């Protein structure tokens, strides 16, 4: 396990009390965006902070052959009005919401517009797919664009996935009662690999668990040993023995991680496990039973310069529940953690 600790320059400056956008949600009127709106509203209520609903519009460069071909209303005005209609839909869905809400219409590329706002948000919430614009790109051709560039943790939701706990009550009639907070015993799961970046994710996962009044489970995946010597049967290697020994070492490291988290969140119930298997598959399985699965944007992979690691990127595509991707936030608590090697 690495003892490396990031310096302040390695992390995104993050002071929650200075991030006045609160909980940011990208909204485009789609089913996934409506789910994201509900989920974000639940977080904002639990934290007692502002909910910021944003939609983006982009004005294309238009070329007209002559004056007669020019529209009566300028294209930029048309796009702004369309964006305002989308926000009106969000206002209707939030009718009776008891918290503070800020509606923002932002000009620019969908992901780029949201990324700019994440500098002022504690957490961002988006649907996995939308009508194009924001949310259609998150897992589209520019896979994982927002989680890769966001300056705050990003939660990605998909309305087609069954395991979605919004944190607010479901109701066929969108009355004020639906904003009453609900409770789930399902844990928050944090995928860890012992890297400083994964510990940043653990801190955000612990916060989410405390807010949801549930437990935190730290999950470490130990990739199985492939048999590169399958063509050389005369060379005997006891892979099971090697795996068992490594698993025992990781169990010790995991215990240290748990103790560290409990030191910062003394009322939180924390446990953990080491599971043998491909990290993406192990985490995907966890999304089926957790109310939120949390991973760092990058971990111990060789390509540390990649904005979004292969595990977090693949998990976003395969998850069966909400996933939070945490960027490398600067956090003083990372400096006090001794972890056995």
Protein backbone atom coordinates (compact mmCIF):
# COMPACT_ATOMS: atom_id res chain seq x y z
CA UNK A 1 0.00 0.00 0.00
CA UNK A 2 1.26 3.47 -0.80
CA UNK A 3 2.03 5.97 1.96
CA UNK A 4 1.92 8.81 -0.56
CA UNK A 5 -0.09 11.82 0.59
CA UNK A 6 -1.09 14.53 -1.87
CA UNK A 7 -0.08 18.10 -1.25
CA UNK A 8 -2.55 20.93 -1.55
CA UNK A 9 -1.46 21.61 -5.11
CA UNK A 10 -2.47 18.10 -6.13
CA UNK A 11 -6.09 18.56 -5.13
CA UNK A 12 -9.00 20.78 -6.14
CA UNK A 13 -9.55 23.46 -3.47
CA UNK A 14 -12.74 22.45 -1.71
CA UNK A 15 -14.36 24.45 1.07
CA UNK A 16 -18.00 23.36 1.25
CA UNK A 17 -19.16 26.47 3.11
CA UNK A 18 -17.89 28.68 0.26
CA UNK A 19 -19.66 26.75 -2.49
CA UNK A 20 -22.88 28.74 -2.71
CA UNK A 21 -24.43 26.72 -5.55
CA UNK A 22 -24.99 23.93 -3.04
CA UNK A 23 -26.33 20.87 -4.84
CA UNK A 24 -26.12 21.34 -8.60
CA UNK A 25 -28.39 19.35 -10.91
CA UNK A 26 -28.33 19.37 -14.70
CA UNK A 27 -31.86 19.40 -16.10
CA UNK A 28 -33.03 18.95 -19.69
CA UNK A 29 -36.60 17.72 -19.14
CA UNK A 30 -35.87 14.03 -19.76
CA UNK A 31 -36.89 11.17 -17.46
CA UNK A 32 -33.33 10.82 -16.22
CA UNK A 33 -33.16 14.56 -15.54
CA UNK A 34 -36.38 14.37 -13.52
CA UNK A 35 -34.90 11.55 -11.46
CA UNK A 36 -31.71 13.57 -10.97
CA UNK A 37 -33.82 16.54 -9.86
CA UNK A 38 -35.56 14.44 -7.19
CA UNK A 39 -32.27 12.95 -6.02
CA UNK A 40 -30.54 16.32 -5.84
CA UNK A 41 -33.52 17.79 -3.96
CA UNK A 42 -33.17 15.04 -1.36
CA UNK A 43 -29.47 15.79 -0.84
CA UNK A 44 -30.11 19.52 -0.58
CA UNK A 45 -32.81 18.97 2.04
CA UNK A 46 -30.58 16.69 4.10
CA UNK A 47 -27.73 19.20 4.01
CA UNK A 48 -29.97 22.23 4.43
CA UNK A 49 -28.36 24.00 1.47
CA UNK A 50 -29.39 25.54 -1.83
CA UNK A 51 -30.53 23.45 -4.79
CA UNK A 52 -29.28 24.85 -8.09
CA UNK A 53 -31.09 23.68 -11.23
CA UNK A 54 -29.21 24.42 -14.44
CA UNK A 55 -29.96 23.95 -18.10
CA UNK A 56 -27.68 24.84 -20.98
CA UNK A 57 -28.35 26.12 -24.45
CA UNK A 58 -26.04 26.67 -27.36
CA UNK A 59 -26.56 29.21 -30.13
CA UNK A 60 -25.37 27.86 -33.47
CA UNK A 61 -23.63 30.06 -35.99
CA UNK A 62 -26.26 30.71 -38.65
CA UNK A 63 -25.58 31.84 -42.22
CA UNK A 64 -28.44 33.30 -44.23
CA UNK A 65 -28.40 33.66 -47.99
CA UNK A 66 -30.31 36.95 -47.91
CA UNK A 67 -32.36 39.21 -45.66
CA UNK A 68 -35.56 37.39 -46.55
CA UNK A 69 -34.14 34.16 -45.15
CA UNK A 70 -33.44 35.69 -41.76
CA UNK A 71 -35.91 34.65 -39.01
CA UNK A 72 -38.16 37.25 -37.40
CA UNK A 73 -36.76 36.36 -34.00
CA UNK A 74 -32.99 36.11 -33.47
CA UNK A 75 -31.72 32.56 -32.97
CA UNK A 76 -30.18 33.37 -29.60
CA UNK A 77 -33.53 34.61 -28.28
CA UNK A 78 -35.23 31.44 -29.50
CA UNK A 79 -32.69 29.23 -27.73
CA UNK A 80 -32.95 31.22 -24.51
CA UNK A 81 -36.73 30.89 -24.53
CA UNK A 82 -36.42 27.15 -25.14
CA UNK A 83 -34.08 26.87 -22.17
CA UNK A 84 -36.51 28.84 -20.03
CA UNK A 85 -39.30 26.43 -20.97
CA UNK A 86 -37.11 23.58 -19.76
CA UNK A 87 -36.56 25.39 -16.46
CA UNK A 88 -40.31 25.98 -16.17
CA UNK A 89 -40.70 22.20 -16.30
CA UNK A 90 -38.28 21.89 -13.40
CA UNK A 91 -40.17 24.56 -11.47
CA UNK A 92 -43.37 22.60 -11.92
CA UNK A 93 -41.74 19.38 -10.72
CA UNK A 94 -40.45 21.19 -7.64
CA UNK A 95 -43.76 22.80 -6.75
CA UNK A 96 -44.06 22.75 -2.97
CA UNK A 97 -40.36 22.09 -2.41
CA UNK A 98 -39.55 23.60 1.01
CA UNK A 99 -35.90 24.44 0.39
CA UNK A 100 -34.07 27.23 -1.42
CA UNK A 101 -33.85 26.80 -5.20
CA UNK A 102 -31.89 28.73 -7.81
CA UNK A 103 -32.70 28.22 -11.50
CA UNK A 104 -29.92 28.97 -13.95
CA UNK A 105 -29.96 29.21 -17.73
CA UNK A 106 -26.40 28.90 -19.02
CA UNK A 107 -25.16 29.53 -22.54
CA UNK A 108 -22.50 27.19 -23.85
CA UNK A 109 -21.59 23.60 -24.48
CA UNK A 110 -23.60 21.31 -22.20
CA UNK A 111 -20.78 19.65 -20.30
CA UNK A 112 -18.61 22.75 -20.33
CA UNK A 113 -21.42 24.82 -18.84
CA UNK A 114 -21.92 22.36 -16.02
CA UNK A 115 -18.20 22.02 -15.35
CA UNK A 116 -17.97 25.76 -14.79
CA UNK A 117 -20.78 25.59 -12.24
CA UNK A 118 -19.21 22.68 -10.37
CA UNK A 119 -16.55 25.06 -9.06
CA UNK A 120 -19.30 26.56 -6.90
CA UNK A 121 -21.14 23.35 -5.96
CA UNK A 122 -20.70 20.86 -3.13
CA UNK A 123 -21.98 18.02 -5.30
CA UNK A 124 -23.40 17.68 -8.83
CA UNK A 125 -26.15 15.30 -9.94
CA UNK A 126 -26.94 14.30 -13.53
CA UNK A 127 -28.89 11.66 -15.35
CA UNK A 128 -26.94 9.09 -17.32
CA UNK A 129 -28.73 9.92 -20.54
CA UNK A 130 -30.99 12.74 -21.60
CA UNK A 131 -32.28 14.48 -24.67
CA UNK A 132 -28.80 15.31 -25.88
CA UNK A 133 -27.27 18.48 -24.49
CA UNK A 134 -26.05 17.88 -20.95
CA UNK A 135 -27.04 14.45 -20.14
CA UNK A 136 -26.98 12.62 -23.42
CA UNK A 137 -23.22 13.12 -23.49
CA UNK A 138 -22.37 11.86 -20.02
CA UNK A 139 -22.30 8.25 -21.17
CA UNK A 140 -22.43 8.94 -24.89
CA UNK A 141 -19.63 9.46 -27.36
CA UNK A 142 -17.73 11.63 -24.90
CA UNK A 143 -18.02 9.01 -22.17
CA UNK A 144 -17.94 10.26 -18.59
CA UNK A 145 -17.20 13.85 -19.64
CA UNK A 146 -18.66 15.59 -16.63
CA UNK A 147 -17.28 13.30 -13.88
CA UNK A 148 -13.88 13.55 -15.55
CA UNK A 149 -13.76 17.35 -15.44
CA UNK A 150 -16.01 18.34 -12.52
CA UNK A 151 -14.58 20.28 -9.59
CA UNK A 152 -16.87 18.56 -7.10
CA UNK A 153 -18.19 15.01 -6.59
CA UNK A 154 -20.60 13.98 -9.36
CA UNK A 155 -23.48 11.52 -8.96
CA UNK A 156 -24.75 9.79 -12.10
CA UNK A 157 -28.24 8.24 -12.19
CA UNK A 158 -30.20 6.21 -14.73
CA UNK A 159 -34.00 5.91 -14.44
CA UNK A 160 -33.85 2.47 -16.09
CA UNK A 161 -31.88 1.12 -13.14
CA UNK A 162 -34.05 -0.23 -10.37
CA UNK A 163 -31.84 0.62 -7.40
CA UNK A 164 -32.47 4.34 -7.11
CA UNK A 165 -33.15 5.75 -3.65
CA UNK A 166 -33.85 9.44 -4.19
CA UNK A 167 -34.04 10.35 -0.54
CA UNK A 168 -37.51 11.81 -0.94
CA UNK A 169 -40.85 10.07 -0.84
CA UNK A 170 -42.42 8.77 -4.04
CA UNK A 171 -45.92 9.98 -4.89
CA UNK A 172 -48.10 9.75 -7.98
CA UNK A 173 -49.26 13.27 -7.18
CA UNK A 174 -46.26 15.54 -6.80
CA UNK A 175 -47.51 17.09 -3.55
CA UNK A 176 -45.47 18.63 -0.76
CA UNK A 177 -45.60 15.29 1.07
CA UNK A 178 -43.27 13.78 -1.50
CA UNK A 179 -40.43 15.92 -0.22
CA UNK A 180 -40.52 14.24 3.18
CA UNK A 181 -37.19 12.52 3.76
CA UNK A 182 -37.26 8.72 3.63
CA UNK A 183 -34.82 6.23 5.09
CA UNK A 184 -33.09 3.17 3.63
CA UNK A 185 -30.96 0.64 5.48
CA UNK A 186 -28.93 -0.01 2.32
CA UNK A 187 -25.30 0.99 2.93
CA UNK A 188 -23.14 3.47 1.11
CA UNK A 189 -20.25 1.59 -0.50
CA UNK A 190 -16.84 3.12 -1.21
CA UNK A 191 -14.47 1.39 -3.59
CA UNK A 192 -10.93 1.77 -2.30
CA UNK A 193 -7.47 0.76 -3.50
CA UNK A 194 -5.26 2.37 -0.86
CA UNK A 195 -4.36 5.38 -3.00
CA UNK A 196 -4.76 8.93 -1.63
CA UNK A 197 -7.38 9.60 -4.29
CA UNK A 198 -9.52 6.71 -3.13
CA UNK A 199 -9.30 8.03 0.44
CA UNK A 200 -10.74 11.32 -0.81
CA UNK A 201 -13.66 9.29 -2.14
CA UNK A 202 -14.00 7.54 1.23
CA UNK A 203 -14.43 10.88 3.00
CA UNK A 204 -17.25 11.86 0.64
CA UNK A 205 -18.82 8.41 1.00
CA UNK A 206 -18.71 8.73 4.78
CA UNK A 207 -20.43 12.11 4.61
CA UNK A 208 -23.16 10.63 2.39
CA UNK A 209 -23.65 7.73 4.82
CA UNK A 210 -23.95 10.04 7.81
CA UNK A 211 -26.49 12.19 5.99
CA UNK A 212 -28.51 9.14 4.97
CA UNK A 213 -28.28 7.71 8.51
CA UNK A 214 -26.89 4.44 7.22
CA UNK A 215 -23.64 2.49 7.36
CA UNK A 216 -20.49 2.71 5.23
CA UNK A 217 -18.89 -0.32 3.64
CA UNK A 218 -15.33 -0.08 2.32
CA UNK A 219 -14.84 -2.45 -0.58
CA UNK A 220 -11.47 -3.50 -1.94
CA UNK A 221 -11.13 -5.71 -5.02
CA UNK A 222 -8.20 -8.07 -5.44
CA UNK A 223 -7.84 -8.97 -9.14
CA UNK A 224 -7.41 -12.73 -9.62
CA UNK A 225 -4.07 -14.04 -10.83
CA UNK A 226 -4.22 -15.10 -14.43
CA UNK A 227 -2.20 -18.15 -15.38
CA UNK A 228 0.49 -16.85 -17.74
CA UNK A 229 2.30 -20.16 -17.48
CA UNK A 230 -0.56 -22.26 -18.81
CA UNK A 231 1.74 -23.37 -21.62
CA UNK A 232 4.43 -24.35 -19.13
CA UNK A 233 2.76 -26.90 -16.80
CA UNK A 234 6.13 -28.03 -15.49
CA UNK A 235 6.46 -24.67 -13.69
CA UNK A 236 4.20 -25.09 -10.68
CA UNK A 237 2.95 -21.97 -8.90
CA UNK A 238 0.42 -22.09 -6.08
CA UNK A 239 -1.74 -19.17 -7.13
CA UNK A 240 -4.26 -19.83 -4.39
CA UNK A 241 -1.59 -19.54 -1.74
CA UNK A 242 -0.33 -16.27 -3.24
CA UNK A 243 -3.86 -14.89 -3.43
CA UNK A 244 -4.66 -15.89 0.15
CA UNK A 245 -1.49 -14.26 1.43
CA UNK A 246 -2.15 -11.03 -0.44
CA UNK A 247 -5.74 -11.01 0.72
CA UNK A 248 -4.56 -11.28 4.31
CA UNK A 249 -2.25 -8.30 3.81
CA UNK A 250 -5.09 -6.27 2.31
CA UNK A 251 -7.36 -7.20 5.21
CA UNK A 252 -4.83 -5.60 7.56
CA UNK A 253 -4.66 -2.47 5.44
CA UNK A 254 -8.44 -2.37 5.26
CA UNK A 255 -8.67 -2.45 9.05
CA UNK A 256 -6.38 0.58 9.19
CA UNK A 257 -8.59 2.39 6.67
CA UNK A 258 -11.68 1.63 8.75
CA UNK A 259 -10.04 2.89 11.94
CA UNK A 260 -9.04 6.09 10.16
CA UNK A 261 -12.58 6.76 8.89
CA UNK A 262 -14.07 6.04 12.32
CA UNK A 263 -11.65 8.57 13.78
CA UNK A 264 -13.20 11.30 11.64
CA UNK A 265 -16.81 10.05 11.76
CA UNK A 266 -17.20 8.70 15.28
CA UNK A 267 -20.94 7.96 15.06
CA UNK A 268 -20.66 6.14 11.73
CA UNK A 269 -20.89 2.35 11.50
CA UNK A 270 -18.04 1.30 9.19
CA UNK A 271 -17.03 -2.14 7.98
CA UNK A 272 -15.22 -3.51 4.94
CA UNK A 273 -14.33 -6.47 2.82
CA UNK A 274 -11.75 -7.65 0.31
CA UNK A 275 -13.30 -9.49 -2.62
CA UNK A 276 -11.40 -11.40 -5.27
CA UNK A 277 -12.45 -10.40 -8.76
CA UNK A 278 -12.22 -7.79 -11.45
CA UNK A 279 -12.64 -4.36 -9.76
CA UNK A 280 -15.36 -3.21 -12.16
CA UNK A 281 -17.36 -6.41 -11.70
CA UNK A 282 -16.97 -6.30 -7.92
CA UNK A 283 -18.15 -2.68 -7.79
CA UNK A 284 -20.94 -3.30 -10.28
CA UNK A 285 -22.27 -6.07 -8.04
CA UNK A 286 -22.12 -3.67 -5.09
CA UNK A 287 -24.33 -1.15 -6.91
CA UNK A 288 -27.16 -3.68 -6.81
CA UNK A 289 -27.50 -3.51 -3.03
CA UNK A 290 -26.01 -0.15 -2.01
CA UNK A 291 -27.91 3.11 -2.04
CA UNK A 292 -24.80 4.84 -3.38
CA UNK A 293 -21.47 3.53 -4.66
CA UNK A 294 -18.54 5.94 -4.45
CA UNK A 295 -15.25 5.80 -6.36
CA UNK A 296 -12.36 8.14 -7.00
CA UNK A 297 -11.88 9.58 -10.45
CA UNK A 298 -8.43 7.98 -10.59
CA UNK A 299 -6.68 5.38 -8.49
CA UNK A 300 -3.51 3.32 -8.59
CA UNK A 301 -3.55 2.79 -12.33
CA UNK A 302 -0.40 3.34 -14.36
CA UNK A 303 -1.86 6.19 -16.43
CA UNK A 304 -2.22 8.71 -13.62
CA UNK A 305 -2.66 11.60 -16.05
CA UNK A 306 -5.91 10.17 -17.41
CA UNK A 307 -8.83 12.34 -16.26
CA UNK A 308 -11.14 9.44 -15.50
CA UNK A 309 -9.67 6.06 -14.63
CA UNK A 310 -10.73 2.88 -16.41
CA UNK A 311 -12.49 1.50 -13.33
CA UNK A 312 -14.67 4.55 -12.66
CA UNK A 313 -15.39 5.02 -16.37
CA UNK A 314 -16.42 1.39 -16.85
CA UNK A 315 -18.47 1.41 -13.67
CA UNK A 316 -20.53 4.36 -14.91
CA UNK A 317 -21.50 2.29 -17.94
CA UNK A 318 -22.32 -0.90 -16.04
CA UNK A 319 -23.66 0.24 -12.65
CA UNK A 320 -27.13 -0.80 -11.52
CA UNK A 321 -27.50 2.00 -9.00
CA UNK A 322 -26.32 5.56 -8.32
CA UNK A 323 -22.58 6.15 -8.63
CA UNK A 324 -20.62 9.08 -7.22
CA UNK A 325 -17.27 9.91 -8.82
CA UNK A 326 -15.02 12.02 -6.61
CA UNK A 327 -12.22 14.16 -8.10
CA UNK A 328 -8.94 14.71 -6.23
CA UNK A 329 -10.22 17.24 -3.70
CA UNK A 330 -7.78 18.89 -1.32
CA UNK A 331 -8.62 17.70 2.20
CA UNK A 332 -6.51 18.21 5.33
CA UNK A 333 -7.75 14.92 6.76
CA UNK A 334 -5.69 13.03 4.18
CA UNK A 335 -2.53 14.11 5.96
CA UNK A 336 -3.10 12.16 9.16
CA UNK A 337 -3.50 8.63 7.87
CA UNK A 338 -0.85 6.01 8.56
CA UNK A 339 -1.51 2.99 6.37
CA UNK A 340 0.54 -0.20 6.60
CA UNK A 341 2.47 -1.11 3.47
